[in-house]
Amino acid sequence: MKDEFVTLAQELHDGIAQDLVGLGFSIDNAISNSADPSTRTELRAVRFSITEIIEKVRIEIHRLRELGPSQVRFTPAYSYELNRVFNEILRNVEQHSKATALSITVADNGIGGAIEKKGSFGLTGIQERVKALHGETLIESDQNGTRIAINIPLDKNDSSIDS
């Protein structure tokens, strides 16, 4: 039974969740290409809704995985708190730092293996989003863990990035 939960979680991740991420990218593109302010506003609202749905699906994926074989997984509450921490850090950078660039590095001491997998868009999604922000991504992974570093310019007047 536990293997079935893990399989279902993987199918949700590789299926519905990735489809929603792809739809989000399409809407981001439509926002960038739209000259009409009201259309852009409506598309942003749809994009926000999709982001909320993606988060709900991810929470369910985490729950299903928790029911599966014992592995280190973040609980939904843990993931939620980490998201709040990162959001607050970014809010402080935006509101108080007067910075012109942002660097974020996340490193773990796991087994490595951060590679692109067929049907999975996690790393690709990260790279595409960073590229859309005119930034750079560095991914290093070996048997001692994975390190993902991103560098993004913070030009708030850049009209090619839709906020």
N, C-alpha and C. Protein backbone atom coordinates (compact mmCIF):
# COMPACT_ATOMS: atom_id res chain seq x y z
N MET A 1 0.82 -1.20 0.00
CA MET A 1 0.00 0.00 0.00
C MET A 1 0.86 1.26 0.00
N LYS A 2 1.95 1.24 0.77
CA LYS A 2 2.81 2.42 0.83
C LYS A 2 3.41 2.74 -0.52
N ASP A 3 3.81 1.72 -1.27
CA ASP A 3 4.37 1.96 -2.60
C ASP A 3 3.34 2.62 -3.51
N GLU A 4 2.07 2.28 -3.35
CA GLU A 4 1.02 2.89 -4.17
C GLU A 4 0.91 4.38 -3.89
N PHE A 5 1.06 4.78 -2.63
CA PHE A 5 1.02 6.20 -2.29
C PHE A 5 2.18 6.95 -2.93
N VAL A 6 3.35 6.35 -2.88
CA VAL A 6 4.53 6.97 -3.48
C VAL A 6 4.35 7.08 -4.99
N THR A 7 3.83 6.03 -5.62
CA THR A 7 3.59 6.05 -7.06
C THR A 7 2.58 7.14 -7.41
N LEU A 8 1.51 7.23 -6.64
CA LEU A 8 0.50 8.26 -6.89
C LEU A 8 1.10 9.65 -6.72
N ALA A 9 1.91 9.84 -5.69
CA ALA A 9 2.56 11.13 -5.48
C ALA A 9 3.46 11.48 -6.66
N GLN A 10 4.20 10.51 -7.16
CA GLN A 10 5.08 10.76 -8.31
C GLN A 10 4.27 11.10 -9.55
N GLU A 11 3.16 10.39 -9.75
CA GLU A 11 2.30 10.67 -10.91
C GLU A 11 1.69 12.06 -10.81
N LEU A 12 1.29 12.46 -9.61
CA LEU A 12 0.78 13.82 -9.43
C LEU A 12 1.87 14.84 -9.75
N HIS A 13 3.08 14.59 -9.25
CA HIS A 13 4.18 15.52 -9.48
C HIS A 13 4.53 15.62 -10.96
N ASP A 14 4.69 14.48 -11.60
CA ASP A 14 5.12 14.47 -13.00
C ASP A 14 3.98 14.76 -13.96
N GLY A 15 2.75 14.66 -13.50
CA GLY A 15 1.60 14.89 -14.36
C GLY A 15 0.97 16.25 -14.10
N ILE A 16 -0.01 16.27 -13.22
CA ILE A 16 -0.80 17.47 -12.96
C ILE A 16 0.06 18.65 -12.52
N ALA A 17 0.95 18.43 -11.58
CA ALA A 17 1.77 19.53 -11.07
C ALA A 17 2.61 20.15 -12.18
N GLN A 18 3.24 19.32 -12.99
CA GLN A 18 4.08 19.84 -14.07
C GLN A 18 3.23 20.49 -15.16
N ASP A 19 2.04 19.96 -15.40
CA ASP A 19 1.13 20.60 -16.36
C ASP A 19 0.75 22.00 -15.88
N LEU A 20 0.49 22.13 -14.59
CA LEU A 20 0.15 23.44 -14.04
C LEU A 20 1.34 24.40 -14.13
N VAL A 21 2.54 23.90 -13.88
CA VAL A 21 3.74 24.73 -14.01
C VAL A 21 3.89 25.20 -15.45
N GLY A 22 3.69 24.28 -16.40
CA GLY A 22 3.76 24.64 -17.82
C GLY A 22 2.72 25.68 -18.18
N LEU A 23 1.51 25.52 -17.66
CA LEU A 23 0.45 26.50 -17.90
C LEU A 23 0.85 27.86 -17.32
N GLY A 24 1.47 27.83 -16.16
CA GLY A 24 1.95 29.07 -15.55
C GLY A 24 2.98 29.77 -16.43
N PHE A 25 3.90 29.00 -17.01
CA PHE A 25 4.89 29.59 -17.92
C PHE A 25 4.19 30.22 -19.12
N SER A 26 3.17 29.55 -19.64
CA SER A 26 2.43 30.08 -20.79
C SER A 26 1.75 31.39 -20.43
N ILE A 27 1.18 31.45 -19.25
CA ILE A 27 0.52 32.69 -18.82
C ILE A 27 1.55 33.78 -18.60
N ASP A 28 2.71 33.44 -18.01
CA ASP A 28 3.78 34.42 -17.86
C ASP A 28 4.16 35.01 -19.22
N ASN A 29 4.26 34.15 -20.22
CA ASN A 29 4.59 34.59 -21.57
C ASN A 29 3.50 35.50 -22.13
N ALA A 30 2.24 35.13 -21.90
CA ALA A 30 1.12 35.94 -22.39
C ALA A 30 1.12 37.31 -21.71
N ILE A 31 1.45 37.34 -20.42
CA ILE A 31 1.53 38.62 -19.71
C ILE A 31 2.61 39.49 -20.34
N SER A 32 3.76 38.91 -20.60
CA SER A 32 4.87 39.66 -21.19
C SER A 32 4.54 40.19 -22.57
N ASN A 33 3.72 39.45 -23.32
CA ASN A 33 3.41 39.84 -24.69
C ASN A 33 2.17 40.70 -24.82
N SER A 34 1.45 40.91 -23.73
CA SER A 34 0.21 41.69 -23.80
C SER A 34 0.50 43.17 -23.58
N ALA A 35 -0.05 43.98 -24.47
CA ALA A 35 0.12 45.43 -24.34
C ALA A 35 -1.02 46.06 -23.55
N ASP A 36 -2.12 45.33 -23.39
CA ASP A 36 -3.31 45.86 -22.73
C ASP A 36 -3.20 45.70 -21.21
N PRO A 37 -3.18 46.81 -20.47
CA PRO A 37 -3.03 46.73 -19.01
C PRO A 37 -4.12 45.90 -18.32
N SER A 38 -5.36 46.01 -18.77
CA SER A 38 -6.42 45.25 -18.11
C SER A 38 -6.26 43.75 -18.36
N THR A 39 -5.82 43.39 -19.56
CA THR A 39 -5.57 41.98 -19.86
C THR A 39 -4.43 41.46 -19.00
N ARG A 40 -3.40 42.26 -18.86
CA ARG A 40 -2.26 41.86 -18.02
C ARG A 40 -2.70 41.66 -16.57
N THR A 41 -3.56 42.55 -16.09
CA THR A 41 -4.06 42.42 -14.72
C THR A 41 -4.86 41.14 -14.54
N GLU A 42 -5.72 40.84 -15.51
CA GLU A 42 -6.52 39.61 -15.44
C GLU A 42 -5.62 38.38 -15.52
N LEU A 43 -4.63 38.41 -16.40
CA LEU A 43 -3.71 37.28 -16.51
C LEU A 43 -2.91 37.08 -15.23
N ARG A 44 -2.53 38.19 -14.58
CA ARG A 44 -1.80 38.07 -13.31
C ARG A 44 -2.67 37.39 -12.25
N ALA A 45 -3.97 37.72 -12.24
CA ALA A 45 -4.89 37.09 -11.28
C ALA A 45 -4.99 35.59 -11.55
N VAL A 46 -5.07 35.22 -12.82
CA VAL A 46 -5.12 33.80 -13.18
C VAL A 46 -3.82 33.13 -12.77
N ARG A 47 -2.70 33.80 -13.01
CA ARG A 47 -1.39 33.24 -12.66
C ARG A 47 -1.29 33.01 -11.16
N PHE A 48 -1.79 33.98 -10.39
CA PHE A 48 -1.78 33.84 -8.94
C PHE A 48 -2.61 32.63 -8.51
N SER A 49 -3.77 32.45 -9.12
CA SER A 49 -4.62 31.29 -8.80
C SER A 49 -3.92 29.98 -9.12
N ILE A 50 -3.25 29.94 -10.26
CA ILE A 50 -2.52 28.73 -10.63
C ILE A 50 -1.41 28.44 -9.61
N THR A 51 -0.72 29.48 -9.18
CA THR A 51 0.33 29.30 -8.18
C THR A 51 -0.24 28.73 -6.89
N GLU A 52 -1.41 29.22 -6.48
CA GLU A 52 -2.05 28.68 -5.27
C GLU A 52 -2.42 27.21 -5.46
N ILE A 53 -2.94 26.86 -6.63
CA ILE A 53 -3.32 25.47 -6.90
C ILE A 53 -2.08 24.58 -6.89
N ILE A 54 -1.00 25.06 -7.49
CA ILE A 54 0.25 24.29 -7.50
C ILE A 54 0.69 24.01 -6.07
N GLU A 55 0.61 25.02 -5.21
CA GLU A 55 1.02 24.82 -3.82
C GLU A 55 0.14 23.78 -3.13
N LYS A 56 -1.16 23.82 -3.39
CA LYS A 56 -2.06 22.82 -2.80
C LYS A 56 -1.73 21.42 -3.29
N VAL A 57 -1.44 21.29 -4.58
CA VAL A 57 -1.07 19.98 -5.13
C VAL A 57 0.22 19.50 -4.48
N ARG A 58 1.18 20.41 -4.31
CA ARG A 58 2.45 20.02 -3.69
C ARG A 58 2.25 19.54 -2.25
N ILE A 59 1.36 20.20 -1.53
CA ILE A 59 1.07 19.77 -0.16
C ILE A 59 0.50 18.35 -0.17
N GLU A 60 -0.41 18.09 -1.11
CA GLU A 60 -0.98 16.74 -1.20
C GLU A 60 0.08 15.71 -1.61
N ILE A 61 0.97 16.11 -2.50
CA ILE A 61 2.07 15.21 -2.88
C ILE A 61 2.91 14.87 -1.66
N HIS A 62 3.22 15.88 -0.85
CA HIS A 62 4.00 15.63 0.37
C HIS A 62 3.26 14.69 1.30
N ARG A 63 1.97 14.89 1.45
CA ARG A 63 1.19 14.00 2.33
C ARG A 63 1.23 12.56 1.83
N LEU A 64 1.06 12.39 0.53
CA LEU A 64 1.10 11.04 -0.03
C LEU A 64 2.46 10.39 0.17
N ARG A 65 3.50 11.18 -0.02
CA ARG A 65 4.85 10.63 0.16
C ARG A 65 5.11 10.25 1.61
N GLU A 66 4.53 11.02 2.53
CA GLU A 66 4.69 10.69 3.95
C GLU A 66 4.05 9.34 4.28
N LEU A 67 3.02 9.00 3.55
CA LEU A 67 2.36 7.71 3.77
C LEU A 67 3.16 6.57 3.16
N GLY A 68 4.12 6.93 2.29
CA GLY A 68 4.93 5.93 1.60
C GLY A 68 6.10 5.48 2.45
N PRO A 69 7.08 4.82 1.81
CA PRO A 69 8.25 4.32 2.54
C PRO A 69 8.95 5.44 3.30
N SER A 70 9.55 5.08 4.40
CA SER A 70 10.20 6.05 5.25
C SER A 70 11.39 6.67 4.52
N GLN A 71 11.27 7.96 4.25
CA GLN A 71 12.34 8.74 3.63
C GLN A 71 12.31 10.12 4.26
N VAL A 72 13.38 10.82 4.16
CA VAL A 72 13.40 12.17 4.69
C VAL A 72 12.56 13.04 3.76
N ARG A 73 11.49 13.58 4.28
CA ARG A 73 10.60 14.45 3.52
C ARG A 73 10.19 15.61 4.43
N PHE A 74 10.00 16.77 3.84
CA PHE A 74 9.48 17.88 4.61
C PHE A 74 7.98 17.68 4.81
N THR A 75 7.53 17.96 5.99
CA THR A 75 6.09 17.93 6.22
C THR A 75 5.51 19.20 5.59
N PRO A 76 4.21 19.22 5.31
CA PRO A 76 3.61 20.44 4.77
C PRO A 76 3.86 21.64 5.68
N ALA A 77 3.79 21.44 6.99
CA ALA A 77 4.01 22.55 7.92
C ALA A 77 5.46 23.05 7.82
N TYR A 78 6.40 22.14 7.70
CA TYR A 78 7.81 22.51 7.58
C TYR A 78 8.03 23.28 6.27
N SER A 79 7.47 22.77 5.18
CA SER A 79 7.59 23.45 3.88
C SER A 79 6.98 24.84 3.94
N TYR A 80 5.84 24.93 4.57
CA TYR A 80 5.15 26.22 4.71
C TYR A 80 6.04 27.22 5.45
N GLU A 81 6.63 26.79 6.56
CA GLU A 81 7.48 27.69 7.34
C GLU A 81 8.73 28.09 6.56
N LEU A 82 9.33 27.15 5.84
CA LEU A 82 10.49 27.50 5.01
C LEU A 82 10.11 28.53 3.95
N ASN A 83 8.95 28.34 3.32
CA ASN A 83 8.48 29.32 2.33
C ASN A 83 8.30 30.69 2.97
N ARG A 84 7.76 30.73 4.16
CA ARG A 84 7.58 32.02 4.85
C ARG A 84 8.92 32.67 5.15
N VAL A 85 9.90 31.87 5.57
CA VAL A 85 11.24 32.41 5.85
C VAL A 85 11.82 33.04 4.59
N PHE A 86 11.79 32.29 3.47
CA PHE A 86 12.35 32.81 2.23
C PHE A 86 11.58 34.04 1.74
N ASN A 87 10.26 34.02 1.85
CA ASN A 87 9.47 35.18 1.43
C ASN A 87 9.84 36.42 2.25
N GLU A 88 10.04 36.25 3.55
CA GLU A 88 10.41 37.39 4.39
C GLU A 88 11.80 37.91 4.04
N ILE A 89 12.73 37.01 3.77
CA ILE A 89 14.07 37.43 3.35
C ILE A 89 13.97 38.26 2.08
N LEU A 90 13.22 37.77 1.10
CA LEU A 90 13.08 38.49 -0.17
C LEU A 90 12.36 39.82 0.02
N ARG A 91 11.36 39.85 0.87
CA ARG A 91 10.64 41.09 1.15
C ARG A 91 11.60 42.12 1.75
N ASN A 92 12.46 41.69 2.67
CA ASN A 92 13.42 42.61 3.27
C ASN A 92 14.41 43.14 2.24
N VAL A 93 14.87 42.28 1.34
CA VAL A 93 15.77 42.74 0.27
C VAL A 93 15.07 43.80 -0.56
N GLU A 94 13.84 43.53 -0.94
CA GLU A 94 13.10 44.45 -1.80
C GLU A 94 12.83 45.79 -1.11
N GLN A 95 12.43 45.75 0.14
CA GLN A 95 11.99 46.96 0.82
C GLN A 95 13.10 47.77 1.46
N HIS A 96 14.18 47.12 1.86
CA HIS A 96 15.15 47.82 2.70
C HIS A 96 16.58 47.88 2.18
N SER A 97 16.97 47.00 1.28
CA SER A 97 18.40 46.85 1.01
C SER A 97 18.98 47.80 -0.03
N LYS A 98 18.16 48.30 -0.94
CA LYS A 98 18.65 49.11 -2.06
C LYS A 98 19.69 48.35 -2.88
N ALA A 99 19.56 47.04 -2.88
CA ALA A 99 20.50 46.18 -3.61
C ALA A 99 20.25 46.24 -5.11
N THR A 100 21.28 45.98 -5.89
CA THR A 100 21.15 45.91 -7.35
C THR A 100 21.25 44.48 -7.86
N ALA A 101 21.55 43.55 -6.96
CA ALA A 101 21.64 42.14 -7.35
C ALA A 101 21.29 41.27 -6.15
N LEU A 102 20.83 40.08 -6.46
CA LEU A 102 20.47 39.12 -5.42
C LEU A 102 21.11 37.78 -5.75
N SER A 103 21.77 37.19 -4.77
CA SER A 103 22.35 35.86 -4.91
C SER A 103 21.71 34.95 -3.87
N ILE A 104 21.27 33.79 -4.33
CA ILE A 104 20.69 32.79 -3.43
C ILE A 104 21.40 31.48 -3.69
N THR A 105 21.87 30.86 -2.62
CA THR A 105 22.51 29.55 -2.74
C THR A 105 21.85 28.60 -1.75
N VAL A 106 21.47 27.45 -2.25
CA VAL A 106 20.93 26.39 -1.40
C VAL A 106 21.80 25.17 -1.61
N ALA A 107 22.32 24.64 -0.51
CA ALA A 107 23.19 23.47 -0.59
C ALA A 107 22.71 22.43 0.42
N ASP A 108 22.84 21.18 0.04
CA ASP A 108 22.49 20.10 0.97
C ASP A 108 23.64 19.11 1.06
N ASN A 109 23.57 18.24 2.04
CA ASN A 109 24.61 17.23 2.21
C ASN A 109 24.07 15.83 1.87
N GLY A 110 23.17 15.79 0.90
CA GLY A 110 22.57 14.53 0.49
C GLY A 110 23.46 13.72 -0.43
N ILE A 111 22.84 12.89 -1.24
CA ILE A 111 23.59 11.97 -2.11
C ILE A 111 23.83 12.52 -3.50
N GLY A 112 23.41 13.76 -3.75
CA GLY A 112 23.59 14.34 -5.08
C GLY A 112 22.56 13.82 -6.05
N GLY A 113 22.90 13.87 -7.32
CA GLY A 113 22.00 13.34 -8.34
C GLY A 113 21.03 14.35 -8.90
N ALA A 114 21.29 15.64 -8.71
CA ALA A 114 20.41 16.66 -9.27
C ALA A 114 20.66 16.76 -10.76
N ILE A 115 19.88 15.99 -11.51
CA ILE A 115 20.00 15.99 -12.97
C ILE A 115 18.60 16.11 -13.56
N GLU A 116 18.56 16.54 -14.81
CA GLU A 116 17.28 16.61 -15.51
C GLU A 116 16.76 15.21 -15.74
N LYS A 117 15.49 15.01 -15.45
CA LYS A 117 14.85 13.72 -15.68
C LYS A 117 13.73 13.90 -16.69
N LYS A 118 13.57 12.95 -17.58
CA LYS A 118 12.52 13.02 -18.58
C LYS A 118 11.16 13.12 -17.88
N GLY A 119 10.36 14.08 -18.30
CA GLY A 119 9.03 14.25 -17.73
C GLY A 119 9.01 15.08 -16.46
N SER A 120 10.18 15.54 -16.00
CA SER A 120 10.25 16.36 -14.80
C SER A 120 10.86 17.70 -15.17
N PHE A 121 10.23 18.76 -14.69
CA PHE A 121 10.66 20.10 -15.09
C PHE A 121 11.16 20.94 -13.92
N GLY A 122 11.49 20.30 -12.80
CA GLY A 122 11.93 21.05 -11.63
C GLY A 122 13.14 21.92 -11.88
N LEU A 123 14.25 21.32 -12.28
CA LEU A 123 15.47 22.10 -12.53
C LEU A 123 15.32 22.99 -13.74
N THR A 124 14.65 22.48 -14.77
CA THR A 124 14.41 23.30 -15.97
C THR A 124 13.57 24.51 -15.61
N GLY A 125 12.56 24.30 -14.79
CA GLY A 125 11.70 25.41 -14.36
C GLY A 125 12.48 26.47 -13.61
N ILE A 126 13.38 26.04 -12.73
CA ILE A 126 14.22 26.98 -11.99
C ILE A 126 15.06 27.79 -12.98
N GLN A 127 15.72 27.10 -13.90
CA GLN A 127 16.59 27.78 -14.86
C GLN A 127 15.80 28.74 -15.74
N GLU A 128 14.62 28.35 -16.19
CA GLU A 128 13.82 29.22 -17.05
C GLU A 128 13.35 30.46 -16.30
N ARG A 129 12.94 30.29 -15.06
CA ARG A 129 12.48 31.44 -14.28
C ARG A 129 13.64 32.41 -14.01
N VAL A 130 14.80 31.87 -13.66
CA VAL A 130 15.96 32.73 -13.41
C VAL A 130 16.36 33.45 -14.70
N LYS A 131 16.34 32.74 -15.81
CA LYS A 131 16.67 33.36 -17.11
C LYS A 131 15.69 34.48 -17.44
N ALA A 132 14.40 34.26 -17.15
CA ALA A 132 13.39 35.30 -17.40
C ALA A 132 13.67 36.55 -16.58
N LEU A 133 14.37 36.39 -15.48
CA LEU A 133 14.75 37.52 -14.64
C LEU A 133 16.15 38.04 -14.98
N HIS A 134 16.67 37.59 -16.12
CA HIS A 134 17.99 37.98 -16.62
C HIS A 134 19.11 37.53 -15.68
N GLY A 135 18.87 36.42 -15.00
CA GLY A 135 19.86 35.91 -14.05
C GLY A 135 20.58 34.68 -14.56
N GLU A 136 21.41 34.13 -13.69
CA GLU A 136 22.20 32.95 -14.02
C GLU A 136 21.97 31.89 -12.95
N THR A 137 22.06 30.64 -13.37
CA THR A 137 21.89 29.50 -12.47
C THR A 137 23.12 28.61 -12.55
N LEU A 138 23.58 28.16 -11.40
CA LEU A 138 24.68 27.19 -11.34
C LEU A 138 24.20 26.01 -10.50
N ILE A 139 24.26 24.82 -11.08
CA ILE A 139 23.86 23.61 -10.37
C ILE A 139 25.05 22.67 -10.32
N GLU A 140 25.46 22.33 -9.10
CA GLU A 140 26.56 21.38 -8.90
C GLU A 140 26.03 20.24 -8.05
N SER A 141 26.33 19.02 -8.46
CA SER A 141 25.83 17.87 -7.71
C SER A 141 26.83 16.73 -7.80
N ASP A 142 27.16 16.18 -6.64
CA ASP A 142 28.02 15.00 -6.60
C ASP A 142 27.58 14.13 -5.43
N GLN A 143 28.34 13.12 -5.11
CA GLN A 143 27.95 12.17 -4.07
C GLN A 143 27.87 12.80 -2.68
N ASN A 144 28.38 14.02 -2.53
CA ASN A 144 28.36 14.70 -1.24
C ASN A 144 27.22 15.70 -1.11
N GLY A 145 26.38 15.81 -2.14
CA GLY A 145 25.25 16.72 -2.06
C GLY A 145 25.09 17.55 -3.32
N THR A 146 24.17 18.48 -3.22
CA THR A 146 23.84 19.35 -4.34
C THR A 146 23.90 20.80 -3.90
N ARG A 147 24.34 21.66 -4.80
CA ARG A 147 24.40 23.09 -4.56
C ARG A 147 23.78 23.78 -5.75
N ILE A 148 22.78 24.61 -5.49
CA ILE A 148 22.15 25.40 -6.54
C ILE A 148 22.32 26.86 -6.17
N ALA A 149 22.94 27.62 -7.07
CA ALA A 149 23.17 29.04 -6.84
C ALA A 149 22.53 29.82 -7.98
N ILE A 150 21.84 30.89 -7.61
CA ILE A 150 21.28 31.77 -8.62
C ILE A 150 21.73 33.20 -8.33
N ASN A 151 21.94 33.94 -9.39
CA ASN A 151 22.31 35.35 -9.30
C ASN A 151 21.35 36.11 -10.21
N ILE A 152 20.69 37.12 -9.63
CA ILE A 152 19.67 37.86 -10.36
C ILE A 152 19.91 39.35 -10.18
N PRO A 153 19.92 40.11 -11.29
CA PRO A 153 19.99 41.56 -11.16
C PRO A 153 18.64 42.08 -10.65
N LEU A 154 18.67 43.13 -9.85
CA LEU A 154 17.44 43.69 -9.30
C LEU A 154 17.17 45.06 -9.90
N ASP A 155 16.88 45.09 -11.17
CA ASP A 155 16.54 46.33 -11.86
C ASP A 155 15.02 46.44 -11.88
N LYS A 156 14.47 47.19 -10.92
CA LYS A 156 13.02 47.30 -10.80
C LYS A 156 12.39 48.08 -11.96
N ASN A 157 13.20 48.76 -12.74
CA ASN A 157 12.68 49.52 -13.88
C ASN A 157 12.74 48.73 -15.18
N ASP A 158 13.17 47.49 -15.14
CA ASP A 158 13.29 46.66 -16.34
C ASP A 158 11.90 46.29 -16.83
N SER A 159 11.49 46.87 -17.94
CA SER A 159 10.13 46.63 -18.46
C SER A 159 9.99 45.26 -19.11
N SER A 160 11.09 44.56 -19.35
CA SER A 160 10.98 43.23 -19.96
C SER A 160 10.64 42.17 -18.92
N ILE A 161 10.70 42.54 -17.65
CA ILE A 161 10.29 41.64 -16.57
C ILE A 161 8.98 42.18 -16.03
N ASP A 162 7.94 41.39 -16.11
CA ASP A 162 6.63 41.83 -15.66
C ASP A 162 6.46 41.54 -14.18
N SER A 163 6.16 42.56 -13.42
CA SER A 163 5.99 42.36 -11.98
C SER A 163 4.55 42.30 -11.58
